[in-house]
Amino acid sequence: MLTPHSADSSSVPASAVIPPALRRPYAAAFRGLIALCAATGLVIECVHGNVFVVLSFFTIWSNILVAVVFGWGALRAWNRRPPLPALWTGGALLCITVVGLVFHLVLDNEASEFNQAAEIARLTGAKAVANQLLHTVTPIGAVLDFLLLTLPGALRWRHAAQWLAAPGLYFAFALVRGELISPDAPTRYTYPFLDVTAHGYDGVLTNAVVLGAGFYVLGLAIVALDRVRPAVRLSENRISPQSARGLK
C-alpha cells in the first residue's frame, strides 16, 4: 500500500517540478544569421583568393570562431540547451570586436600610420561584399547579440587574461610564417604593423604589446559591462511559481 507521500511524488512529472529549458527562436535565428554572414564572407574570400593566404589573417581566424560559436549557439538555443560557456562566447565577441575596431580605426583610416584605405576602396563585387561581412556585419552582430540576447553576469575577470591566448597564438603564427615564406612574397606579413622588414623585431614587438594591452583592456571593459548591464526581458512561458513547487 502506497503512503500519501509516495503516491504524491510518483504522480508528479519532473517537468512540473523543474521548468524545462525554453526554446529561444529569436536568439537561434539571429545567431544563425550571424554565423551565415561569417561563413559567406569566408567562402567568398577562399573562392576569390589563395586559400593559404586567406587563412593567414586574424580576421579570418576570428570569423571562423564566430561561425562556429554562433552556429553552435543557434542550435543550442533552438534545441532548448543551455548557452555555450561564457569563456567561448566572450572570446568570440572580443576577437571579432577587435577585428572591427582595427579595420575601421587603423586599416581603413587615412589618418592612421598603417592605413590601407586606398587598397580597400578598390575592392569591388563579391570581394567588397566579403569585406563588409567580415569586418563590419559580424562585429556589429556579435555586439548586438551580447547586449540584447545574452543574459548578464556570466563573464569573469580572469576571462580577459585567458582571451589573450588567441592573439598571442596568432602573433607567433604570423612571425613564424613570415620567416618561412619568401621575402619577396607580397603577403609575407599579413598586417603592416607586423612587418618585421619595415619595423624590425623591436618595432613589431612594441606594436604587439600595444595591441595586446588593447585586447586586455577591451576584455576587461566587456566583463565590466556584463556585470552592470540590465538583464533583457525575454518572452518566456514558464510554469507559475506555485506550480513549480509541486502539484497539490
Protein backbone atom coordinates (compact mmCIF):
# COMPACT_ATOMS: atom_id res chain seq x y z
CA MET A 1 0.00 0.00 0.00
CA LEU A 2 1.39 3.38 -1.01
CA THR A 3 1.78 6.11 1.53
CA PRO A 4 0.32 9.52 0.65
CA HIS A 5 3.83 10.88 0.20
CA SER A 6 4.96 8.18 -2.22
CA ALA A 7 1.73 8.34 -4.18
CA ASP A 8 2.03 12.11 -4.45
CA SER A 9 5.66 12.09 -5.63
CA SER A 10 5.13 9.27 -8.13
CA SER A 11 2.26 11.06 -9.80
CA VAL A 12 4.08 14.36 -10.33
CA PRO A 13 6.10 14.51 -13.55
CA ALA A 14 9.56 16.00 -13.30
CA SER A 15 8.63 18.72 -15.81
CA ALA A 16 6.05 20.04 -13.32
CA VAL A 17 8.70 20.48 -10.64
CA ILE A 18 11.60 21.80 -12.77
CA PRO A 19 10.58 24.02 -15.68
CA PRO A 20 12.06 22.75 -18.95
CA ALA A 21 14.63 24.82 -20.79
CA LEU A 22 12.93 27.17 -23.22
CA ARG A 23 13.40 27.30 -26.96
CA ARG A 24 14.66 30.74 -27.94
CA PRO A 25 13.72 31.13 -31.61
CA TYR A 26 14.76 34.77 -31.93
CA ALA A 27 18.20 34.11 -30.45
CA ALA A 28 18.56 30.99 -32.61
CA ALA A 29 17.60 32.87 -35.78
CA PHE A 30 19.84 35.86 -35.08
CA ARG A 31 22.87 33.75 -34.15
CA GLY A 32 22.30 31.55 -37.17
CA LEU A 33 22.23 34.67 -39.36
CA ILE A 34 25.50 35.96 -37.92
CA ALA A 35 27.12 32.55 -38.41
CA LEU A 36 25.84 32.54 -42.01
CA CYS A 37 27.27 36.01 -42.65
CA ALA A 38 30.67 34.92 -41.34
CA ALA A 39 30.59 31.68 -43.36
CA THR A 40 29.54 33.53 -46.52
CA GLY A 41 32.38 36.02 -46.20
CA LEU A 42 34.85 33.19 -45.59
CA VAL A 43 33.69 31.23 -48.63
CA ILE A 44 33.88 34.29 -50.88
CA GLU A 45 37.41 35.07 -49.72
CA CYS A 46 38.55 31.48 -50.29
CA VAL A 47 36.92 31.26 -53.74
CA HIS A 48 38.37 34.57 -54.94
CA GLY A 49 41.81 34.25 -53.36
CA ASN A 50 44.62 31.92 -52.40
CA VAL A 51 43.20 29.79 -49.60
CA PHE A 52 46.54 29.53 -47.80
CA VAL A 53 46.96 33.31 -47.84
CA VAL A 54 43.35 33.92 -46.83
CA LEU A 55 43.67 31.61 -43.82
CA SER A 56 46.68 33.54 -42.56
CA PHE A 57 44.69 36.64 -41.49
CA PHE A 58 43.43 37.22 -37.96
CA THR A 59 40.17 38.46 -39.47
CA ILE A 60 39.63 35.01 -40.94
CA TRP A 61 40.57 33.25 -37.70
CA SER A 62 38.10 35.42 -35.81
CA ASN A 63 35.29 34.90 -38.30
CA ILE A 64 35.83 31.14 -38.25
CA LEU A 65 35.45 31.36 -34.48
CA VAL A 66 32.27 33.42 -34.90
CA ALA A 67 30.83 30.97 -37.44
CA VAL A 68 31.45 28.02 -35.11
CA VAL A 69 30.42 29.66 -31.81
CA PHE A 70 27.33 31.42 -33.16
CA GLY A 71 26.26 28.45 -35.28
CA TRP A 72 26.60 26.15 -32.29
CA GLY A 73 24.88 28.70 -30.07
CA ALA A 74 21.97 28.93 -32.53
CA LEU A 75 21.47 25.16 -32.41
CA ARG A 76 21.54 25.14 -28.62
CA ALA A 77 19.04 27.99 -28.39
CA TRP A 78 16.70 26.17 -30.76
CA ASN A 79 17.10 22.78 -29.10
CA ARG A 80 16.42 24.07 -25.56
CA ARG A 81 20.03 23.57 -24.48
CA PRO A 82 21.97 25.83 -22.09
CA PRO A 83 24.15 28.54 -23.67
CA LEU A 84 27.76 27.82 -24.56
CA PRO A 85 30.39 28.56 -21.87
CA ALA A 86 30.94 32.29 -21.43
CA LEU A 87 34.68 31.82 -22.00
CA TRP A 88 33.95 30.86 -25.61
CA THR A 89 31.17 33.33 -26.39
CA GLY A 90 33.05 36.19 -24.73
CA GLY A 91 36.26 35.25 -26.54
CA ALA A 92 34.49 35.27 -29.90
CA LEU A 93 32.96 38.64 -29.06
CA LEU A 94 36.34 40.11 -28.09
CA CYS A 95 38.20 38.82 -31.16
CA ILE A 96 35.61 39.95 -33.69
CA THR A 97 35.18 43.32 -31.95
CA VAL A 98 38.92 43.91 -32.23
CA VAL A 99 38.71 42.95 -35.92
CA GLY A 100 36.06 45.60 -36.50
CA LEU A 101 37.84 48.28 -34.48
CA VAL A 102 41.28 47.69 -36.03
CA PHE A 103 39.83 47.63 -39.53
CA HIS A 104 37.81 50.84 -39.22
CA LEU A 105 40.13 52.81 -36.93
CA VAL A 106 43.53 51.65 -38.21
CA LEU A 107 43.44 49.99 -41.64
CA ASP A 108 40.58 51.91 -43.28
CA ASN A 109 41.51 55.23 -41.72
CA GLU A 110 43.57 57.66 -43.79
CA ALA A 111 44.81 59.34 -40.62
CA SER A 112 46.39 56.09 -39.40
CA GLU A 113 50.06 55.28 -39.85
CA PHE A 114 49.07 51.81 -41.08
CA ASN A 115 46.14 52.80 -43.30
CA GLN A 116 45.26 50.73 -46.35
CA ALA A 117 42.25 52.82 -47.32
CA ALA A 118 43.27 53.11 -50.97
CA GLU A 119 43.52 49.33 -51.38
CA ILE A 120 40.24 48.77 -49.56
CA ALA A 121 38.47 51.32 -51.78
CA ARG A 122 39.49 49.34 -54.86
CA LEU A 123 37.55 46.25 -53.73
CA THR A 124 34.50 45.54 -55.90
CA GLY A 125 31.85 42.88 -56.36
CA ALA A 126 31.98 39.79 -54.19
CA LYS A 127 35.26 40.86 -52.57
CA ALA A 128 33.66 44.11 -51.38
CA VAL A 129 30.70 42.15 -50.00
CA ALA A 130 33.01 39.76 -48.16
CA ASN A 131 34.99 42.70 -46.79
CA GLN A 132 31.84 44.23 -45.29
CA LEU A 133 30.57 40.92 -43.94
CA LEU A 134 33.84 40.04 -42.19
CA HIS A 135 34.82 43.48 -40.90
CA THR A 136 31.51 45.21 -40.24
CA VAL A 137 28.47 42.92 -40.17
CA THR A 138 29.83 40.16 -37.93
CA PRO A 139 31.35 42.55 -35.33
CA ILE A 140 28.10 44.54 -35.09
CA GLY A 141 26.07 41.33 -34.94
CA ALA A 142 28.22 39.90 -32.14
CA VAL A 143 27.86 43.09 -30.08
CA LEU A 144 24.08 43.16 -30.58
CA ASP A 145 23.80 39.52 -29.55
CA PHE A 146 25.77 40.27 -26.38
CA LEU A 147 23.66 43.30 -25.48
CA LEU A 148 20.21 42.06 -26.46
CA LEU A 149 20.14 38.25 -26.43
CA THR A 150 22.62 37.21 -23.74
CA LEU A 151 21.85 37.19 -20.03
CA PRO A 152 24.39 39.21 -17.99
CA GLY A 153 26.68 38.03 -15.24
CA ALA A 154 28.35 35.03 -16.87
CA LEU A 155 31.74 36.60 -17.62
CA ARG A 156 34.62 36.57 -15.09
CA TRP A 157 37.59 38.91 -14.69
CA ARG A 158 40.01 36.04 -15.37
CA HIS A 159 38.48 35.63 -18.84
CA ALA A 160 40.13 38.88 -20.00
CA ALA A 161 43.57 37.31 -19.47
CA GLN A 162 42.54 33.93 -20.86
CA TRP A 163 41.28 35.52 -24.06
CA LEU A 164 44.81 36.81 -24.78
CA ALA A 165 45.71 33.26 -25.84
CA ALA A 166 44.07 33.85 -29.24
CA PRO A 167 46.01 36.98 -30.29
CA GLY A 168 49.16 35.56 -28.71
CA LEU A 169 48.89 32.40 -30.79
CA TYR A 170 48.21 34.43 -33.92
CA PHE A 171 51.21 36.71 -33.28
CA ALA A 172 53.53 33.70 -33.00
CA PHE A 173 52.00 32.21 -36.16
CA ALA A 174 52.44 35.45 -38.12
CA LEU A 175 56.11 35.81 -37.22
CA VAL A 176 56.94 32.16 -37.95
CA ARG A 177 55.05 32.35 -41.23
CA GLY A 178 56.95 35.49 -42.21
CA GLU A 179 60.26 33.74 -41.62
CA LEU A 180 59.30 30.65 -43.61
CA ILE A 181 57.98 32.18 -46.83
CA SER A 182 59.90 34.08 -49.48
CA PRO A 183 61.00 37.63 -48.60
CA ASP A 184 59.64 38.70 -51.99
CA ALA A 185 56.12 37.42 -51.29
CA PRO A 186 53.69 40.38 -51.24
CA THR A 187 51.75 38.79 -48.37
CA ARG A 188 54.76 37.78 -46.30
CA TYR A 189 53.37 39.73 -43.36
CA THR A 190 49.60 39.85 -43.19
CA TYR A 191 49.34 43.23 -41.44
CA PRO A 192 51.60 46.30 -41.78
CA PHE A 193 52.14 46.56 -38.01
CA LEU A 194 53.56 43.01 -38.05
CA ASP A 195 56.03 43.67 -40.87
CA VAL A 196 59.46 42.87 -39.45
CA THR A 197 61.16 44.13 -42.62
CA ALA A 198 59.66 47.58 -42.17
CA HIS A 199 59.73 47.91 -38.38
CA GLY A 200 62.28 45.38 -37.14
CA TYR A 201 61.57 42.94 -34.36
CA ASP A 202 61.70 45.69 -31.73
CA GLY A 203 59.05 47.71 -33.54
CA VAL A 204 56.83 44.68 -34.17
CA LEU A 205 57.10 43.57 -30.54
CA THR A 206 56.18 47.08 -29.43
CA ASN A 207 53.15 47.02 -31.74
CA ALA A 208 52.21 43.59 -30.39
CA VAL A 209 52.43 44.76 -26.78
CA VAL A 210 50.26 47.79 -27.55
CA LEU A 211 47.69 45.64 -29.34
CA GLY A 212 47.81 43.03 -26.57
CA ALA A 213 47.18 45.73 -23.99
CA GLY A 214 44.28 46.92 -26.12
CA PHE A 215 42.89 43.37 -26.20
CA TYR A 216 43.18 43.10 -22.43
CA VAL A 217 41.62 46.49 -21.69
CA LEU A 218 38.76 45.81 -24.09
CA GLY A 219 38.30 42.38 -22.50
CA LEU A 220 38.08 43.98 -19.06
CA ALA A 221 35.58 46.50 -20.42
CA ILE A 222 33.41 43.70 -21.79
CA VAL A 223 33.46 41.90 -18.43
CA ALA A 224 32.67 45.14 -16.60
CA LEU A 225 29.79 45.88 -18.95
CA ASP A 226 28.48 42.35 -18.47
CA ARG A 227 28.36 42.93 -14.72
CA VAL A 228 26.45 46.22 -14.80
CA ARG A 229 24.13 45.94 -17.80
CA PRO A 230 20.49 45.12 -17.06
CA ALA A 231 19.02 41.77 -17.99
CA VAL A 232 16.95 41.96 -21.16
CA ARG A 233 13.35 40.93 -20.58
CA LEU A 234 12.82 37.76 -22.63
CA SER A 235 9.45 36.42 -23.69
CA GLU A 236 9.07 33.14 -21.84
CA ASN A 237 6.24 30.81 -20.96
CA ARG A 238 7.20 29.48 -17.55
CA ILE A 239 5.36 27.31 -15.09
CA SER A 240 4.00 29.54 -12.36
CA PRO A 241 5.94 29.67 -9.08
CA GLN A 242 3.02 27.95 -7.33
CA SER A 243 3.04 25.05 -9.76
CA ALA A 244 6.81 24.79 -9.71
CA ARG A 245 6.65 23.78 -6.06
CA GLY A 246 4.62 20.71 -6.93
CA LEU A 247 1.02 19.75 -7.51
CA LYS A 248 -1.47 19.56 -4.67
